[in-house]
Amino acid sequence: MAYIYKKRDPKKKRQTVIMFFVLILAAVIIVSVAAGFFGSEYVVHKALEDPDVVLHVAVSGGDVTIAIYGGEKVEELRMVCLEIEGVSLSSEYSMHPAPLNGAGMVVFSGVCNEVTGTRLVGVRGVFADGSTKLLKRVTIKFT
């Protein structure tokens, strides 16, 4: 049996290479669309998720007031810790027990008497299982 040597013409080679790149491009587009879909679903799910503790931070004179409203883990909240950027607070000023029923007010008296300028204020929570979590981080302008 004799094998007949066939010459491949350049047009067929070019079509094969173009088809290969089209398939690669289609695969990249499909993967990108799928990743975008699942990524956006994750972001929306996280945005609508109920936070562990819902709170509001306010400054009144030299006091910082934290109003705790609720959340998934508010019943497990045991301590509330206050952190002010650039200010070293002793533990007697920076830590207070959480309200007994979870929701309520926590007042840190005299912690920002000599604080001026714009500072980051962080509120950390200590929960019943011993874990700590940053509950809120806000920028406040002190005068």
N, C-alpha and C. Protein backbone atom coordinates (compact mmCIF):
# COMPACT_ATOMS: atom_id res chain seq x y z
N MET A 1 0.84 -1.15 0.00
CA MET A 1 0.00 0.00 0.00
C MET A 1 0.90 1.23 0.00
N ALA A 2 0.59 2.08 -0.84
CA ALA A 2 1.42 3.27 -0.98
C ALA A 2 0.72 4.44 -0.30
N TYR A 3 1.54 5.14 0.43
CA TYR A 3 1.02 6.36 1.08
C TYR A 3 1.23 7.53 0.15
N ILE A 4 0.18 8.27 0.00
CA ILE A 4 0.27 9.43 -0.86
C ILE A 4 0.56 10.63 0.03
N TYR A 5 1.62 11.32 -0.24
CA TYR A 5 2.00 12.49 0.53
C TYR A 5 1.12 13.65 0.10
N LYS A 6 0.37 14.18 1.10
CA LYS A 6 -0.50 15.31 0.80
C LYS A 6 0.14 16.59 1.33
N LYS A 7 0.16 17.54 0.53
CA LYS A 7 0.63 18.84 0.97
C LYS A 7 -0.56 19.58 1.58
N ARG A 8 -0.35 20.12 2.76
CA ARG A 8 -1.41 20.94 3.36
C ARG A 8 -1.25 22.35 2.83
N ASP A 9 -2.31 22.87 2.36
CA ASP A 9 -2.19 24.22 1.84
C ASP A 9 -2.22 25.24 2.99
N PRO A 10 -1.65 26.40 2.82
CA PRO A 10 -1.56 27.42 3.88
C PRO A 10 -2.92 27.92 4.34
N LYS A 11 -3.91 27.87 3.49
CA LYS A 11 -5.25 28.34 3.87
C LYS A 11 -5.84 27.47 4.97
N LYS A 12 -5.68 26.15 4.85
CA LYS A 12 -6.20 25.24 5.87
C LYS A 12 -5.44 25.39 7.18
N LYS A 13 -4.13 25.60 7.10
CA LYS A 13 -3.34 25.83 8.31
C LYS A 13 -3.83 27.08 9.02
N ARG A 14 -4.03 28.14 8.26
CA ARG A 14 -4.48 29.40 8.83
C ARG A 14 -5.86 29.24 9.47
N GLN A 15 -6.75 28.51 8.82
CA GLN A 15 -8.09 28.28 9.38
C GLN A 15 -8.01 27.49 10.68
N THR A 16 -7.11 26.51 10.75
CA THR A 16 -6.96 25.72 11.96
C THR A 16 -6.46 26.59 13.11
N VAL A 17 -5.48 27.42 12.86
CA VAL A 17 -4.94 28.30 13.90
C VAL A 17 -6.00 29.30 14.36
N ILE A 18 -6.73 29.86 13.42
CA ILE A 18 -7.79 30.82 13.77
C ILE A 18 -8.87 30.13 14.60
N MET A 19 -9.26 28.92 14.21
CA MET A 19 -10.27 28.18 14.96
C MET A 19 -9.78 27.89 16.39
N PHE A 20 -8.51 27.54 16.53
CA PHE A 20 -7.94 27.27 17.85
C PHE A 20 -8.03 28.51 18.73
N PHE A 21 -7.65 29.67 18.20
CA PHE A 21 -7.71 30.90 18.99
C PHE A 21 -9.14 31.32 19.29
N VAL A 22 -10.06 31.07 18.38
CA VAL A 22 -11.47 31.37 18.64
C VAL A 22 -12.00 30.51 19.78
N LEU A 23 -11.63 29.23 19.79
CA LEU A 23 -12.06 28.35 20.88
C LEU A 23 -11.46 28.79 22.22
N ILE A 24 -10.19 29.17 22.21
CA ILE A 24 -9.55 29.67 23.44
C ILE A 24 -10.26 30.93 23.92
N LEU A 25 -10.54 31.85 23.03
CA LEU A 25 -11.22 33.09 23.37
C LEU A 25 -12.62 32.81 23.92
N ALA A 26 -13.35 31.88 23.31
CA ALA A 26 -14.68 31.52 23.80
C ALA A 26 -14.60 30.94 25.20
N ALA A 27 -13.61 30.09 25.45
CA ALA A 27 -13.44 29.50 26.78
C ALA A 27 -13.14 30.58 27.82
N VAL A 28 -12.28 31.53 27.48
CA VAL A 28 -11.95 32.62 28.40
C VAL A 28 -13.18 33.46 28.70
N ILE A 29 -13.98 33.75 27.70
CA ILE A 29 -15.20 34.54 27.90
C ILE A 29 -16.18 33.79 28.80
N ILE A 30 -16.36 32.51 28.57
CA ILE A 30 -17.29 31.72 29.39
C ILE A 30 -16.82 31.68 30.84
N VAL A 31 -15.54 31.46 31.05
CA VAL A 31 -15.00 31.43 32.42
C VAL A 31 -15.14 32.80 33.08
N SER A 32 -14.89 33.87 32.35
CA SER A 32 -15.01 35.22 32.91
C SER A 32 -16.45 35.54 33.30
N VAL A 33 -17.39 35.18 32.46
CA VAL A 33 -18.81 35.42 32.77
C VAL A 33 -19.23 34.61 33.99
N ALA A 34 -18.81 33.36 34.07
CA ALA A 34 -19.16 32.53 35.22
C ALA A 34 -18.54 33.10 36.50
N ALA A 35 -17.29 33.52 36.44
CA ALA A 35 -16.63 34.09 37.62
C ALA A 35 -17.31 35.39 38.04
N GLY A 36 -17.68 36.21 37.08
CA GLY A 36 -18.38 37.45 37.39
C GLY A 36 -19.73 37.20 38.02
N PHE A 37 -20.45 36.21 37.52
CA PHE A 37 -21.76 35.88 38.08
C PHE A 37 -21.63 35.41 39.52
N PHE A 38 -20.74 34.45 39.77
CA PHE A 38 -20.60 33.93 41.12
C PHE A 38 -19.97 34.96 42.06
N GLY A 39 -19.08 35.79 41.56
CA GLY A 39 -18.49 36.84 42.39
C GLY A 39 -19.52 37.88 42.79
N SER A 40 -20.36 38.29 41.86
CA SER A 40 -21.39 39.27 42.19
C SER A 40 -22.43 38.68 43.14
N GLU A 41 -22.73 37.41 42.98
CA GLU A 41 -23.66 36.76 43.90
C GLU A 41 -23.09 36.75 45.32
N TYR A 42 -21.80 36.51 45.46
CA TYR A 42 -21.15 36.51 46.77
C TYR A 42 -21.20 37.90 47.39
N VAL A 43 -20.92 38.94 46.60
CA VAL A 43 -20.92 40.30 47.11
C VAL A 43 -22.32 40.71 47.56
N VAL A 44 -23.32 40.39 46.79
CA VAL A 44 -24.70 40.72 47.16
C VAL A 44 -25.10 39.96 48.42
N HIS A 45 -24.74 38.70 48.52
CA HIS A 45 -25.07 37.91 49.70
C HIS A 45 -24.42 38.50 50.95
N LYS A 46 -23.15 38.90 50.84
CA LYS A 46 -22.45 39.49 51.99
C LYS A 46 -23.05 40.83 52.37
N ALA A 47 -23.47 41.62 51.38
CA ALA A 47 -24.02 42.94 51.66
C ALA A 47 -25.37 42.84 52.36
N LEU A 48 -26.15 41.83 52.04
CA LEU A 48 -27.48 41.68 52.64
C LEU A 48 -27.47 40.86 53.92
N GLU A 49 -26.32 40.30 54.26
CA GLU A 49 -26.22 39.48 55.46
C GLU A 49 -26.36 40.36 56.70
N ASP A 50 -27.04 39.86 57.70
CA ASP A 50 -27.22 40.59 58.95
C ASP A 50 -25.89 40.65 59.69
N PRO A 51 -25.42 41.84 60.07
CA PRO A 51 -24.14 41.93 60.77
C PRO A 51 -24.24 41.32 62.17
N ASP A 52 -23.07 40.99 62.73
CA ASP A 52 -23.04 40.39 64.06
C ASP A 52 -23.65 41.33 65.10
N VAL A 53 -23.23 42.59 65.10
CA VAL A 53 -23.74 43.58 66.04
C VAL A 53 -23.92 44.89 65.29
N VAL A 54 -25.11 45.48 65.41
CA VAL A 54 -25.41 46.76 64.78
C VAL A 54 -25.23 47.84 65.84
N LEU A 55 -24.35 48.82 65.55
CA LEU A 55 -24.11 49.87 66.54
C LEU A 55 -23.83 51.20 65.87
N HIS A 56 -23.89 52.25 66.68
CA HIS A 56 -23.62 53.61 66.22
C HIS A 56 -22.68 54.27 67.21
N VAL A 57 -21.66 54.96 66.71
CA VAL A 57 -20.67 55.64 67.55
C VAL A 57 -20.90 57.14 67.45
N ALA A 58 -20.92 57.81 68.62
CA ALA A 58 -21.10 59.27 68.65
C ALA A 58 -20.18 59.86 69.70
N VAL A 59 -19.76 61.11 69.47
CA VAL A 59 -18.93 61.84 70.43
C VAL A 59 -19.75 62.98 70.99
N SER A 60 -19.73 63.11 72.31
CA SER A 60 -20.44 64.18 72.99
C SER A 60 -19.51 64.75 74.06
N GLY A 61 -18.97 65.93 73.80
CA GLY A 61 -18.01 66.51 74.74
C GLY A 61 -16.75 65.66 74.76
N GLY A 62 -16.39 65.18 75.94
CA GLY A 62 -15.21 64.32 76.06
C GLY A 62 -15.57 62.85 76.12
N ASP A 63 -16.84 62.53 75.89
CA ASP A 63 -17.31 61.15 76.00
C ASP A 63 -17.57 60.55 74.62
N VAL A 64 -17.35 59.25 74.53
CA VAL A 64 -17.73 58.50 73.33
C VAL A 64 -18.89 57.60 73.73
N THR A 65 -19.99 57.73 73.01
CA THR A 65 -21.19 56.94 73.30
C THR A 65 -21.40 55.93 72.18
N ILE A 66 -21.61 54.69 72.57
CA ILE A 66 -21.88 53.63 71.60
C ILE A 66 -23.29 53.12 71.86
N ALA A 67 -24.13 53.23 70.86
CA ALA A 67 -25.50 52.72 70.95
C ALA A 67 -25.55 51.38 70.22
N ILE A 68 -25.87 50.33 70.95
CA ILE A 68 -25.95 48.98 70.38
C ILE A 68 -27.42 48.68 70.14
N TYR A 69 -27.76 48.35 68.88
CA TYR A 69 -29.15 48.15 68.49
C TYR A 69 -29.56 46.69 68.39
N GLY A 70 -28.71 45.83 67.93
CA GLY A 70 -29.09 44.43 67.73
C GLY A 70 -28.09 43.74 66.84
N GLY A 71 -28.52 42.63 66.25
CA GLY A 71 -27.65 41.85 65.37
C GLY A 71 -27.73 40.38 65.72
N GLU A 72 -27.04 39.57 64.93
CA GLU A 72 -27.09 38.11 65.12
C GLU A 72 -26.46 37.67 66.43
N LYS A 73 -25.33 38.27 66.78
CA LYS A 73 -24.58 37.81 67.96
C LYS A 73 -24.64 38.79 69.12
N VAL A 74 -25.65 39.65 69.17
CA VAL A 74 -25.70 40.67 70.21
C VAL A 74 -25.89 40.05 71.60
N GLU A 75 -26.57 38.90 71.70
CA GLU A 75 -26.76 38.25 73.00
C GLU A 75 -25.46 37.66 73.52
N GLU A 76 -24.53 37.35 72.62
CA GLU A 76 -23.25 36.75 73.02
C GLU A 76 -22.19 37.80 73.32
N LEU A 77 -22.47 39.08 73.09
CA LEU A 77 -21.50 40.15 73.31
C LEU A 77 -21.28 40.35 74.80
N ARG A 78 -20.02 40.28 75.24
CA ARG A 78 -19.70 40.42 76.66
C ARG A 78 -18.99 41.72 76.99
N MET A 79 -18.07 42.16 76.14
CA MET A 79 -17.30 43.38 76.39
C MET A 79 -17.25 44.21 75.11
N VAL A 80 -17.15 45.53 75.30
CA VAL A 80 -16.99 46.46 74.19
C VAL A 80 -15.68 47.21 74.43
N CYS A 81 -14.81 47.21 73.43
CA CYS A 81 -13.50 47.87 73.54
C CYS A 81 -13.44 49.03 72.55
N LEU A 82 -12.90 50.14 73.00
CA LEU A 82 -12.78 51.34 72.18
C LEU A 82 -11.32 51.58 71.84
N GLU A 83 -11.05 51.89 70.58
CA GLU A 83 -9.69 52.21 70.13
C GLU A 83 -9.75 53.52 69.35
N ILE A 84 -8.88 54.47 69.73
CA ILE A 84 -8.80 55.74 69.01
C ILE A 84 -7.40 55.85 68.44
N GLU A 85 -7.30 56.13 67.16
CA GLU A 85 -6.02 56.20 66.47
C GLU A 85 -5.11 57.24 67.13
N GLY A 86 -3.91 56.82 67.50
CA GLY A 86 -2.92 57.72 68.08
C GLY A 86 -3.11 58.01 69.55
N VAL A 87 -4.08 57.39 70.19
CA VAL A 87 -4.35 57.62 71.61
C VAL A 87 -4.18 56.30 72.34
N SER A 88 -3.40 56.34 73.42
CA SER A 88 -3.20 55.14 74.23
C SER A 88 -4.15 55.19 75.42
N LEU A 89 -5.15 54.35 75.39
CA LEU A 89 -6.13 54.30 76.48
C LEU A 89 -5.82 53.14 77.40
N SER A 90 -5.91 53.37 78.70
CA SER A 90 -5.74 52.26 79.64
C SER A 90 -6.97 51.37 79.58
N SER A 91 -6.84 50.15 80.08
CA SER A 91 -7.95 49.19 79.96
C SER A 91 -9.17 49.63 80.76
N GLU A 92 -8.99 50.41 81.82
CA GLU A 92 -10.16 50.87 82.58
C GLU A 92 -10.99 51.87 81.79
N TYR A 93 -10.36 52.58 80.85
CA TYR A 93 -11.10 53.53 80.02
C TYR A 93 -11.55 52.91 78.69
N SER A 94 -10.81 51.95 78.19
CA SER A 94 -11.09 51.45 76.84
C SER A 94 -12.01 50.23 76.81
N MET A 95 -12.27 49.59 77.95
CA MET A 95 -13.11 48.39 77.97
C MET A 95 -14.28 48.58 78.93
N HIS A 96 -15.46 48.26 78.45
CA HIS A 96 -16.66 48.30 79.28
C HIS A 96 -17.49 47.06 79.01
N PRO A 97 -18.21 46.57 80.02
CA PRO A 97 -19.09 45.42 79.76
C PRO A 97 -20.25 45.83 78.85
N ALA A 98 -20.70 44.89 78.09
CA ALA A 98 -21.83 45.13 77.19
C ALA A 98 -23.12 45.19 78.00
N PRO A 99 -24.14 45.85 77.48
CA PRO A 99 -25.44 45.86 78.17
C PRO A 99 -25.96 44.43 78.38
N LEU A 100 -26.69 44.23 79.47
CA LEU A 100 -27.13 42.88 79.84
C LEU A 100 -28.03 42.23 78.80
N ASN A 101 -28.97 42.97 78.25
CA ASN A 101 -29.89 42.37 77.28
C ASN A 101 -29.35 42.45 75.85
N GLY A 102 -28.12 42.91 75.69
CA GLY A 102 -27.53 43.01 74.36
C GLY A 102 -27.64 44.40 73.78
N ALA A 103 -28.83 44.93 73.68
CA ALA A 103 -29.02 46.26 73.13
C ALA A 103 -28.99 47.29 74.25
N GLY A 104 -28.43 48.45 73.95
CA GLY A 104 -28.35 49.50 74.96
C GLY A 104 -27.24 50.48 74.65
N MET A 105 -26.90 51.30 75.65
CA MET A 105 -25.87 52.33 75.49
C MET A 105 -24.65 51.98 76.33
N VAL A 106 -23.48 52.26 75.77
CA VAL A 106 -22.22 52.14 76.50
C VAL A 106 -21.53 53.49 76.37
N VAL A 107 -21.18 54.10 77.52
CA VAL A 107 -20.57 55.42 77.51
C VAL A 107 -19.14 55.31 78.03
N PHE A 108 -18.19 55.75 77.21
CA PHE A 108 -16.78 55.82 77.59
C PHE A 108 -16.53 57.27 78.01
N SER A 109 -16.52 57.52 79.32
CA SER A 109 -16.44 58.89 79.84
C SER A 109 -15.01 59.42 79.81
N GLY A 110 -14.84 60.63 79.31
CA GLY A 110 -13.58 61.35 79.35
C GLY A 110 -12.45 60.78 78.51
N VAL A 111 -12.74 59.91 77.55
CA VAL A 111 -11.66 59.29 76.78
C VAL A 111 -11.11 60.19 75.68
N CYS A 112 -11.85 61.21 75.29
CA CYS A 112 -11.38 62.06 74.19
C CYS A 112 -11.30 63.52 74.60
N ASN A 113 -10.97 63.77 75.87
CA ASN A 113 -10.86 65.15 76.35
C ASN A 113 -9.78 65.93 75.62
N GLU A 114 -8.63 65.31 75.39
CA GLU A 114 -7.50 66.03 74.79
C GLU A 114 -7.20 65.57 73.37
N VAL A 115 -8.16 64.93 72.73
CA VAL A 115 -7.97 64.44 71.37
C VAL A 115 -8.46 65.52 70.40
N THR A 116 -7.61 65.82 69.41
CA THR A 116 -8.00 66.80 68.39
C THR A 116 -7.70 66.22 67.01
N GLY A 117 -8.32 66.80 66.02
CA GLY A 117 -8.09 66.36 64.64
C GLY A 117 -9.01 65.24 64.23
N THR A 118 -8.76 64.74 63.05
CA THR A 118 -9.56 63.64 62.50
C THR A 118 -8.87 62.33 62.83
N ARG A 119 -9.59 61.43 63.47
CA ARG A 119 -9.02 60.15 63.91
C ARG A 119 -9.94 59.00 63.53
N LEU A 120 -9.32 57.84 63.34
CA LEU A 120 -10.10 56.61 63.17
C LEU A 120 -10.48 56.09 64.54
N VAL A 121 -11.72 55.72 64.70
CA VAL A 121 -12.21 55.15 65.96
C VAL A 121 -12.71 53.75 65.65
N GLY A 122 -12.19 52.79 66.38
CA GLY A 122 -12.59 51.40 66.20
C GLY A 122 -13.30 50.87 67.42
N VAL A 123 -14.30 50.06 67.21
CA VAL A 123 -15.02 49.41 68.30
C VAL A 123 -14.89 47.91 68.11
N ARG A 124 -14.32 47.26 69.10
CA ARG A 124 -14.16 45.80 69.07
C ARG A 124 -15.13 45.18 70.07
N GLY A 125 -15.59 44.00 69.74
CA GLY A 125 -16.46 43.26 70.64
C GLY A 125 -15.79 41.97 71.09
N VAL A 126 -15.95 41.65 72.36
CA VAL A 126 -15.48 40.37 72.89
C VAL A 126 -16.73 39.54 73.16
N PHE A 127 -16.77 38.35 72.58
CA PHE A 127 -17.97 37.52 72.65
C PHE A 127 -17.81 36.41 73.70
N ALA A 128 -18.89 35.70 73.97
CA ALA A 128 -18.92 34.67 75.01
C ALA A 128 -17.92 33.55 74.76
N ASP A 129 -17.64 33.24 73.51
CA ASP A 129 -16.69 32.17 73.21
C ASP A 129 -15.24 32.64 73.26
N GLY A 130 -15.00 33.91 73.62
CA GLY A 130 -13.64 34.44 73.73
C GLY A 130 -13.12 35.09 72.48
N SER A 131 -13.86 35.03 71.40
CA SER A 131 -13.41 35.63 70.14
C SER A 131 -13.62 37.14 70.18
N THR A 132 -12.76 37.85 69.46
CA THR A 132 -12.91 39.30 69.32
C THR A 132 -13.10 39.63 67.85
N LYS A 133 -13.87 40.68 67.61
CA LYS A 133 -14.14 41.09 66.23
C LYS A 133 -14.28 42.60 66.18
N LEU A 134 -13.74 43.18 65.11
CA LEU A 134 -13.91 44.61 64.89
C LEU A 134 -15.35 44.83 64.42
N LEU A 135 -16.13 45.54 65.24
CA LEU A 135 -17.55 45.73 64.95
C LEU A 135 -17.80 46.96 64.10
N LYS A 136 -17.01 48.00 64.31
CA LYS A 136 -17.24 49.25 63.58
C LYS A 136 -15.93 50.03 63.53
N ARG A 137 -15.71 50.69 62.42
CA ARG A 137 -14.55 51.56 62.25
C ARG A 137 -15.03 52.81 61.53
N VAL A 138 -14.94 53.94 62.22
CA VAL A 138 -15.43 55.19 61.66
C VAL A 138 -14.36 56.27 61.80
N THR A 139 -14.44 57.27 60.96
CA THR A 139 -13.57 58.44 61.06
C THR A 139 -14.37 59.56 61.71
N ILE A 140 -13.83 60.09 62.81
CA ILE A 140 -14.52 61.14 63.55
C ILE A 140 -13.58 62.33 63.68
N LYS A 141 -14.13 63.52 63.52
CA LYS A 141 -13.35 64.74 63.69
C LYS A 141 -13.57 65.26 65.11
N PHE A 142 -12.47 65.31 65.87
CA PHE A 142 -12.51 65.81 67.24
C PHE A 142 -12.10 67.28 67.24
N THR A 143 -12.74 68.08 68.12
CA THR A 143 -12.38 69.50 68.21
C THR A 143 -11.92 69.85 69.60
